Amino acid sequence: MLRMFLPIIVTWGGLFVVNGLAAQRALAVEEVAFIDLDSSRSQPNLHCVMATEAECVIHNEAEYQTLRRYIMGHHLCQDFTLPALDLARHTLLGKYTGGTGCTTEFLRTITRDDGSQTVTYVIDVVQIGGCEPLAMSMNWALVPKIPAEYRVEFTVREVLDLSGEQ
C-alpha cells in the first residue's frame, strides 16, 4: 500500500504550523524611516545633484562619488561638494520626478518587505492648481542599509489637485 503524506498547514496568530513544526511567518511590510536629503534646508543635502535619467540606489562610497557628474551648473551650486555620508550603515535612494502647478509637493513613503526582499519607494507628486512652473526633485532619501540581494522598486504617482487653483 502506497501512503502519501501531505503537509498540513494551519495558520494561528501569525504563526505557520506545518506538520507540527512551527515557523514564524515573515513580518508584514513595514514603513522605513529615512533622512530627507533633497531640500536645501536639510543638512546634509544633495539639492544640487540632479540625475534626471536615473533611479539611484547607492550602496557604497565608490557609487556615491559617481554622482559628482550630476552636480548642476546653476550659480547656486558652483561651490557645492558632496557631503559625507555613512554608506557603511546607510543606502542612498533617489529618483527624479517633476510636476507643474501653483504648488508642487513631493510626498515620499518607503517600505521594506523582508519576506520578498523588496524595498519600495513611492513618490506622490502632488500638483496643486493649474499654474505652469516646473518643480523638480531627485527625492534623495538616506535609509538604513539595504542588503545587496534586496530589490528596490520605485513608483511615481501623479496627483492633480485643481481645487486649490490660483
Protein backbone atom coordinates (compact mmCIF):
# COMPACT_ATOMS: atom_id res chain seq x y z
CA MET A 1 0.00 0.00 0.00
CA LEU A 2 1.36 3.38 -1.01
CA ARG A 3 0.88 6.10 1.59
CA MET A 4 1.25 9.75 0.79
CA PHE A 5 1.62 12.34 3.49
CA LEU A 6 0.52 15.80 2.53
CA PRO A 7 1.72 18.69 4.61
CA ILE A 8 -0.91 20.19 6.82
CA ILE A 9 -0.67 23.94 7.06
CA VAL A 10 -2.60 25.79 9.73
CA THR A 11 -2.23 29.46 10.49
CA TRP A 12 -2.71 30.67 14.01
CA GLY A 13 -1.88 34.12 15.31
CA GLY A 14 0.64 34.92 12.59
CA LEU A 15 2.38 31.55 13.04
CA PHE A 16 2.56 28.83 10.40
CA VAL A 17 2.25 25.31 11.74
CA VAL A 18 3.43 22.68 9.23
CA ASN A 19 3.10 19.03 10.27
CA GLY A 20 3.57 20.03 13.89
CA LEU A 21 6.62 22.23 13.16
CA ALA A 22 6.21 25.93 13.69
CA ALA A 23 7.87 28.57 11.56
CA GLN A 24 7.42 32.24 12.27
CA ARG A 25 5.72 33.98 9.37
CA ALA A 26 7.67 36.88 7.87
CA LEU A 27 6.63 40.19 9.29
CA ALA A 28 4.32 42.35 7.25
CA VAL A 29 5.59 45.19 5.14
CA GLU A 30 6.97 47.92 7.39
CA GLU A 31 7.50 51.61 6.77
CA VAL A 32 11.12 52.74 6.78
CA ALA A 33 12.23 55.96 8.47
CA PHE A 34 14.54 58.00 6.25
CA ILE A 35 16.54 61.20 6.22
CA ASP A 36 15.40 63.69 3.56
CA LEU A 37 18.49 64.95 1.70
CA ASP A 38 16.59 66.71 -1.08
CA SER A 39 15.83 70.09 0.43
CA SER A 40 18.34 72.93 0.54
CA ARG A 41 17.15 73.35 4.16
CA SER A 42 18.27 69.79 5.04
CA GLN A 43 21.73 69.27 6.47
CA PRO A 44 23.41 67.47 4.83
CA ASN A 45 21.67 67.85 1.47
CA LEU A 46 22.02 66.85 -2.15
CA HIS A 47 19.80 69.56 -3.66
CA CYS A 48 22.41 70.37 -6.34
CA VAL A 49 22.63 66.76 -7.61
CA MET A 50 20.07 66.02 -10.34
CA ALA A 51 20.49 62.63 -12.07
CA THR A 52 17.47 63.10 -14.33
CA GLU A 53 17.73 59.81 -16.22
CA ALA A 54 18.44 57.57 -13.27
CA GLU A 55 16.91 55.65 -10.42
CA CYS A 56 19.69 55.73 -7.85
CA VAL A 57 20.46 53.00 -5.34
CA ILE A 58 23.82 53.90 -3.83
CA HIS A 59 25.36 51.25 -1.55
CA ASN A 60 28.97 52.43 -1.16
CA GLU A 61 31.40 55.34 -1.44
CA ALA A 62 32.58 54.47 -4.98
CA GLU A 63 29.00 54.55 -6.29
CA TYR A 64 28.35 57.76 -4.34
CA GLN A 65 31.31 59.55 -5.91
CA THR A 66 29.88 58.93 -9.40
CA LEU A 67 27.14 61.44 -8.52
CA ARG A 68 29.64 64.29 -8.92
CA ARG A 69 28.94 64.28 -12.66
CA TYR A 70 25.31 65.20 -11.92
CA ILE A 71 26.01 68.40 -9.97
CA MET A 72 24.02 71.16 -11.64
CA GLY A 73 25.84 74.08 -13.23
CA HIS A 74 23.49 76.58 -11.55
CA HIS A 75 25.24 79.54 -9.92
CA LEU A 76 23.89 78.47 -6.51
CA CYS A 77 25.68 75.14 -6.92
CA GLN A 78 29.11 76.33 -8.08
CA ASP A 79 30.74 75.69 -4.66
CA PHE A 80 28.71 72.53 -3.90
CA THR A 81 30.55 69.38 -2.82
CA LEU A 82 29.07 66.02 -1.95
CA PRO A 83 28.53 65.84 1.82
CA ALA A 84 29.99 62.96 3.82
CA LEU A 85 27.51 60.12 4.27
CA ASP A 86 27.94 56.91 6.28
CA LEU A 87 27.29 54.40 3.50
CA ALA A 88 28.55 51.52 5.63
CA ARG A 89 25.35 51.91 7.68
CA HIS A 90 23.03 53.51 5.09
CA THR A 91 21.87 53.28 1.49
CA LEU A 92 21.07 56.37 -0.58
CA LEU A 93 17.97 56.30 -2.78
CA GLY A 94 16.98 58.86 -5.40
CA LYS A 95 14.50 59.15 -8.26
CA TYR A 96 13.98 62.20 -10.46
CA THR A 97 10.42 63.49 -10.68
CA GLY A 98 8.86 66.72 -11.84
CA GLY A 99 5.50 68.37 -11.83
CA THR A 100 3.72 71.60 -12.61
CA GLY A 101 1.22 73.52 -10.55
CA CYS A 102 0.94 76.66 -8.46
CA THR A 103 2.40 74.46 -5.73
CA THR A 104 4.05 71.07 -6.21
CA GLU A 105 4.73 68.74 -3.29
CA PHE A 106 6.72 65.52 -3.30
CA LEU A 107 5.35 63.12 -0.68
CA ARG A 108 7.55 60.10 -0.03
CA THR A 109 6.95 56.73 1.57
CA ILE A 110 9.50 53.93 1.78
CA THR A 111 8.57 50.40 2.84
CA ARG A 112 10.58 47.22 3.35
CA ASP A 113 9.28 43.69 2.89
CA ASP A 114 11.79 41.19 4.26
CA GLY A 115 9.67 38.27 3.05
CA SER A 116 10.04 39.27 -0.61
CA GLN A 117 13.39 41.06 -0.05
CA THR A 118 11.98 44.24 -1.57
CA VAL A 119 12.21 47.91 -0.69
CA THR A 120 9.54 50.07 -2.33
CA TYR A 121 9.96 53.83 -2.67
CA VAL A 122 6.66 55.55 -3.53
CA ILE A 123 6.73 59.21 -4.55
CA ASP A 124 3.45 61.10 -4.84
CA VAL A 125 3.87 64.23 -6.96
CA VAL A 126 1.02 66.45 -5.79
CA GLN A 127 0.38 69.27 -8.27
CA ILE A 128 -1.92 71.92 -6.80
CA GLY A 129 -3.56 74.46 -9.10
CA GLY A 130 -3.30 74.99 -12.83
CA CYS A 131 -0.16 77.12 -12.95
CA GLU A 132 2.72 76.21 -15.24
CA PRO A 133 6.03 76.46 -13.31
CA LEU A 134 8.04 73.23 -13.32
CA ALA A 135 9.19 71.87 -9.97
CA MET A 136 11.84 69.14 -9.97
CA SER A 137 13.09 66.83 -7.27
CA MET A 138 15.56 63.95 -7.03
CA ASN A 139 13.76 62.76 -3.88
CA TRP A 140 17.05 61.87 -2.16
CA ALA A 141 16.49 59.69 0.91
CA LEU A 142 19.07 58.10 3.21
CA VAL A 143 17.74 54.82 4.65
CA PRO A 144 19.16 52.14 6.93
CA LYS A 145 21.44 49.80 4.96
CA ILE A 146 19.61 47.73 2.35
CA PRO A 147 21.14 44.29 1.81
CA ALA A 148 22.68 43.89 -1.66
CA GLU A 149 20.36 40.99 -2.52
CA TYR A 150 17.23 43.14 -1.99
CA ARG A 151 15.37 44.61 -4.94
CA VAL A 152 14.46 48.33 -4.86
CA GLU A 153 11.32 49.38 -6.72
CA PHE A 154 10.39 53.00 -7.44
CA THR A 155 6.79 54.07 -8.01
CA VAL A 156 5.79 57.60 -9.02
CA ARG A 157 2.15 58.64 -8.76
CA GLU A 158 0.95 62.00 -10.07
CA VAL A 159 -1.87 63.69 -8.18
CA LEU A 160 -3.55 66.73 -9.74
CA ASP A 161 -5.49 68.94 -7.31
CA LEU A 162 -7.29 71.76 -9.09
CA SER A 163 -9.35 72.65 -6.01
CA GLY A 164 -6.55 75.00 -4.88
CA GLU A 165 -6.27 76.68 -8.28
CA GLN A 166 -4.98 80.21 -8.02
